[in-house]
Amino acid sequence: MWEAFFDHYRLAVREARVVRVSLLLSVAVLVLHLILAFWFIVPRLGAPIFVLHYTVYFGPDQVGPAWQLLAAPGLGALILLVNAALTAHFYVRNRWAGLFLSALSFFLQLLLAVSTFLIVLLNL
């Protein structure tokens, strides 16, 4: 089972430049996302609460401990793994679906990183 999965993924990465580039960009954005989150959290571990969500009308409406800021990078890693598996599965059957999923992974990583950046700016 695992051999077939890795054969499919090697095929997708070897044949399609879009899959290869989007995978590398997704991993790069995820690493930068993690660095940003840890850079902000580590010096502020003693703080009791952080603002996690802000609305224009009501102000800060969701607060929590610092470790909850790591939920977005964790979700990004999960999305990257699931989309990589689905890309490998769909690329053999329908190349456009595989290409779409690999590009979607990059855009979702980018959106999560921007949301974490905005949360960091909110708490400075």
C-alpha atoms as a PDB file:
ATOM      1  CA  MET A   1       0.000   0.000   0.000  1.00  0.00           C
ATOM      2  CA  TRP A   2       2.688   2.511   0.983  1.00  0.00           C
ATOM      3  CA  GLU A   3       4.824   1.589  -2.003  1.00  0.00           C
ATOM      4  CA  ALA A   4       1.957   2.379  -4.365  1.00  0.00           C
ATOM      5  CA  PHE A   5       1.348   5.717  -2.619  1.00  0.00           C
ATOM      6  CA  PHE A   6       4.983   6.769  -2.897  1.00  0.00           C
ATOM      7  CA  ASP A   7       5.125   5.598  -6.525  1.00  0.00           C
ATOM      8  CA  HIS A   8       2.100   7.776  -7.315  1.00  0.00           C
ATOM      9  CA  TYR A   9       3.587  10.758  -5.510  1.00  0.00           C
ATOM     10  CA  ARG A  10       6.962  10.337  -7.218  1.00  0.00           C
ATOM     11  CA  LEU A  11       5.118  10.282 -10.531  1.00  0.00           C
ATOM     12  CA  ALA A  12       3.238  13.469  -9.667  1.00  0.00           C
ATOM     13  CA  VAL A  13       6.352  15.287  -8.462  1.00  0.00           C
ATOM     14  CA  ARG A  14       8.521  14.109 -11.335  1.00  0.00           C
ATOM     15  CA  GLU A  15       6.072  14.900 -14.128  1.00  0.00           C
ATOM     16  CA  ALA A  16       4.376  18.107 -13.003  1.00  0.00           C
ATOM     17  CA  ARG A  17       6.398  21.198 -12.256  1.00  0.00           C
ATOM     18  CA  VAL A  18       3.325  22.820 -10.669  1.00  0.00           C
ATOM     19  CA  VAL A  19       3.079  20.035  -8.092  1.00  0.00           C
ATOM     20  CA  ARG A  20       6.782  20.281  -7.291  1.00  0.00           C
ATOM     21  CA  VAL A  21       6.799  24.075  -6.999  1.00  0.00           C
ATOM     22  CA  SER A  22       3.590  24.285  -4.982  1.00  0.00           C
ATOM     23  CA  LEU A  23       4.830  21.589  -2.595  1.00  0.00           C
ATOM     24  CA  LEU A  24       8.106  23.441  -2.031  1.00  0.00           C
ATOM     25  CA  LEU A  25       6.326  26.778  -1.604  1.00  0.00           C
ATOM     26  CA  SER A  26       3.835  25.218   0.821  1.00  0.00           C
ATOM     27  CA  VAL A  27       6.614  23.768   2.941  1.00  0.00           C
ATOM     28  CA  ALA A  28       8.484  27.101   2.881  1.00  0.00           C
ATOM     29  CA  VAL A  29       5.392  29.037   3.978  1.00  0.00           C
ATOM     30  CA  LEU A  30       4.711  26.474   6.713  1.00  0.00           C
ATOM     31  CA  VAL A  31       8.276  26.783   8.037  1.00  0.00           C
ATOM     32  CA  LEU A  32       8.049  30.579   8.020  1.00  0.00           C
ATOM     33  CA  HIS A  33       4.664  30.314   9.707  1.00  0.00           C
ATOM     34  CA  LEU A  34       6.112  28.170  12.492  1.00  0.00           C
ATOM     35  CA  ILE A  35       9.105  30.493  12.907  1.00  0.00           C
ATOM     36  CA  LEU A  36       6.784  33.499  13.208  1.00  0.00           C
ATOM     37  CA  ALA A  37       4.582  31.787  15.785  1.00  0.00           C
ATOM     38  CA  PHE A  38       7.490  30.590  17.930  1.00  0.00           C
ATOM     39  CA  TRP A  39       9.291  33.931  17.600  1.00  0.00           C
ATOM     40  CA  PHE A  40       6.262  35.624  19.088  1.00  0.00           C
ATOM     41  CA  ILE A  41       5.319  33.028  21.703  1.00  0.00           C
ATOM     42  CA  VAL A  42       8.658  32.131  23.319  1.00  0.00           C
ATOM     43  CA  PRO A  43       9.499  35.562  24.808  1.00  0.00           C
ATOM     44  CA  ARG A  44       5.912  36.010  26.035  1.00  0.00           C
ATOM     45  CA  LEU A  45       5.291  32.692  27.776  1.00  0.00           C
ATOM     46  CA  GLY A  46       4.691  34.421  31.099  1.00  0.00           C
ATOM     47  CA  ALA A  47       1.778  36.471  29.778  1.00  0.00           C
ATOM     48  CA  PRO A  48      -1.547  35.094  31.018  1.00  0.00           C
ATOM     49  CA  ILE A  49      -3.669  35.680  27.898  1.00  0.00           C
ATOM     50  CA  PHE A  50      -3.385  36.649  24.257  1.00  0.00           C
ATOM     51  CA  VAL A  51      -5.970  38.136  21.948  1.00  0.00           C
ATOM     52  CA  LEU A  52      -6.759  35.449  19.379  1.00  0.00           C
ATOM     53  CA  HIS A  53      -9.587  37.151  17.488  1.00  0.00           C
ATOM     54  CA  TYR A  54     -10.654  40.750  17.008  1.00  0.00           C
ATOM     55  CA  THR A  55     -13.805  42.201  15.505  1.00  0.00           C
ATOM     56  CA  VAL A  56     -14.361  45.787  14.431  1.00  0.00           C
ATOM     57  CA  TYR A  57     -17.629  46.162  16.315  1.00  0.00           C
ATOM     58  CA  PHE A  58     -16.856  44.425  19.605  1.00  0.00           C
ATOM     59  CA  GLY A  59     -13.050  44.506  19.842  1.00  0.00           C
ATOM     60  CA  PRO A  60     -11.219  41.459  21.186  1.00  0.00           C
ATOM     61  CA  ASP A  61     -13.771  38.681  21.478  1.00  0.00           C
ATOM     62  CA  GLN A  62     -11.579  35.612  21.839  1.00  0.00           C
ATOM     63  CA  VAL A  63      -8.631  35.392  24.214  1.00  0.00           C
ATOM     64  CA  GLY A  64      -6.570  32.447  25.328  1.00  0.00           C
ATOM     65  CA  PRO A  65      -3.147  31.151  26.317  1.00  0.00           C
ATOM     66  CA  ALA A  66      -0.111  31.442  24.074  1.00  0.00           C
ATOM     67  CA  TRP A  67      -0.122  27.820  22.932  1.00  0.00           C
ATOM     68  CA  GLN A  68      -3.440  28.373  21.118  1.00  0.00           C
ATOM     69  CA  LEU A  69      -1.586  30.549  18.618  1.00  0.00           C
ATOM     70  CA  LEU A  70       0.052  27.314  17.408  1.00  0.00           C
ATOM     71  CA  ALA A  71      -3.301  25.943  16.249  1.00  0.00           C
ATOM     72  CA  ALA A  72      -2.958  27.657  12.862  1.00  0.00           C
ATOM     73  CA  PRO A  73       0.493  26.194  12.038  1.00  0.00           C
ATOM     74  CA  GLY A  74      -0.757  22.791  13.205  1.00  0.00           C
ATOM     75  CA  LEU A  75      -3.762  23.074  10.931  1.00  0.00           C
ATOM     76  CA  GLY A  76      -1.438  24.136   8.115  1.00  0.00           C
ATOM     77  CA  ALA A  77       0.723  21.047   8.601  1.00  0.00           C
ATOM     78  CA  LEU A  78      -2.363  18.822   8.599  1.00  0.00           C
ATOM     79  CA  ILE A  79      -3.663  20.483   5.419  1.00  0.00           C
ATOM     80  CA  LEU A  80      -0.279  20.024   3.756  1.00  0.00           C
ATOM     81  CA  LEU A  81      -0.145  16.311   4.585  1.00  0.00           C
ATOM     82  CA  VAL A  82      -3.741  15.630   3.533  1.00  0.00           C
ATOM     83  CA  ASN A  83      -3.400  17.604   0.292  1.00  0.00           C
ATOM     84  CA  ALA A  84      -0.111  15.857  -0.526  1.00  0.00           C
ATOM     85  CA  ALA A  85      -1.806  12.481  -0.087  1.00  0.00           C
ATOM     86  CA  LEU A  86      -4.835  13.527  -2.132  1.00  0.00           C
ATOM     87  CA  THR A  87      -2.609  15.003  -4.844  1.00  0.00           C
ATOM     88  CA  ALA A  88      -0.763  11.707  -5.138  1.00  0.00           C
ATOM     89  CA  HIS A  89      -4.027   9.809  -5.279  1.00  0.00           C
ATOM     90  CA  PHE A  90      -5.800  12.024  -7.796  1.00  0.00           C
ATOM     91  CA  TYR A  91      -2.866  12.868 -10.050  1.00  0.00           C
ATOM     92  CA  VAL A  92      -2.793   9.384 -11.543  1.00  0.00           C
ATOM     93  CA  ARG A  93      -6.519   9.404 -12.308  1.00  0.00           C
ATOM     94  CA  ASN A  94      -7.177  13.060 -13.074  1.00  0.00           C
ATOM     95  CA  ARG A  95      -4.173  15.329 -13.480  1.00  0.00           C
ATOM     96  CA  TRP A  96      -6.156  18.555 -13.209  1.00  0.00           C
ATOM     97  CA  ALA A  97      -7.553  17.555  -9.835  1.00  0.00           C
ATOM     98  CA  GLY A  98      -4.056  16.789  -8.594  1.00  0.00           C
ATOM     99  CA  LEU A  99      -2.743  20.097  -9.868  1.00  0.00           C
ATOM    100  CA  PHE A 100      -5.657  21.965  -8.309  1.00  0.00           C
ATOM    101  CA  LEU A 101      -5.147  20.312  -4.918  1.00  0.00           C
ATOM    102  CA  SER A 102      -1.437  21.045  -4.882  1.00  0.00           C
ATOM    103  CA  ALA A 103      -2.039  24.721  -5.716  1.00  0.00           C
ATOM    104  CA  LEU A 104      -4.848  24.887  -3.156  1.00  0.00           C
ATOM    105  CA  SER A 105      -2.461  23.693  -0.470  1.00  0.00           C
ATOM    106  CA  PHE A 106      -0.148  26.637  -1.126  1.00  0.00           C
ATOM    107  CA  PHE A 107      -2.949  29.187  -0.993  1.00  0.00           C
ATOM    108  CA  LEU A 108      -4.353  27.751   2.246  1.00  0.00           C
ATOM    109  CA  GLN A 109      -0.879  27.838   3.814  1.00  0.00           C
ATOM    110  CA  LEU A 110      -0.545  31.450   2.751  1.00  0.00           C
ATOM    111  CA  LEU A 111      -3.935  32.411   4.238  1.00  0.00           C
ATOM    112  CA  LEU A 112      -3.117  30.736   7.547  1.00  0.00           C
ATOM    113  CA  ALA A 113       0.277  32.464   7.699  1.00  0.00           C
ATOM    114  CA  VAL A 114      -1.307  35.853   7.031  1.00  0.00           C
ATOM    115  CA  SER A 115      -3.892  35.248   9.764  1.00  0.00           C
ATOM    116  CA  THR A 116      -1.149  34.352  12.249  1.00  0.00           C
ATOM    117  CA  PHE A 117       0.798  37.451  11.221  1.00  0.00           C
ATOM    118  CA  LEU A 118      -2.251  39.607  11.887  1.00  0.00           C
ATOM    119  CA  ILE A 119      -2.759  38.000  15.299  1.00  0.00           C
ATOM    120  CA  VAL A 120       0.881  38.713  16.143  1.00  0.00           C
ATOM    121  CA  LEU A 121       0.443  42.340  15.096  1.00  0.00           C
ATOM    122  CA  LEU A 122      -2.690  42.559  17.224  1.00  0.00           C
ATOM    123  CA  ASN A 123      -0.817  41.416  20.321  1.00  0.00           C
ATOM    124  CA  LEU A 124       2.253  43.612  19.973  1.00  0.00           C
END
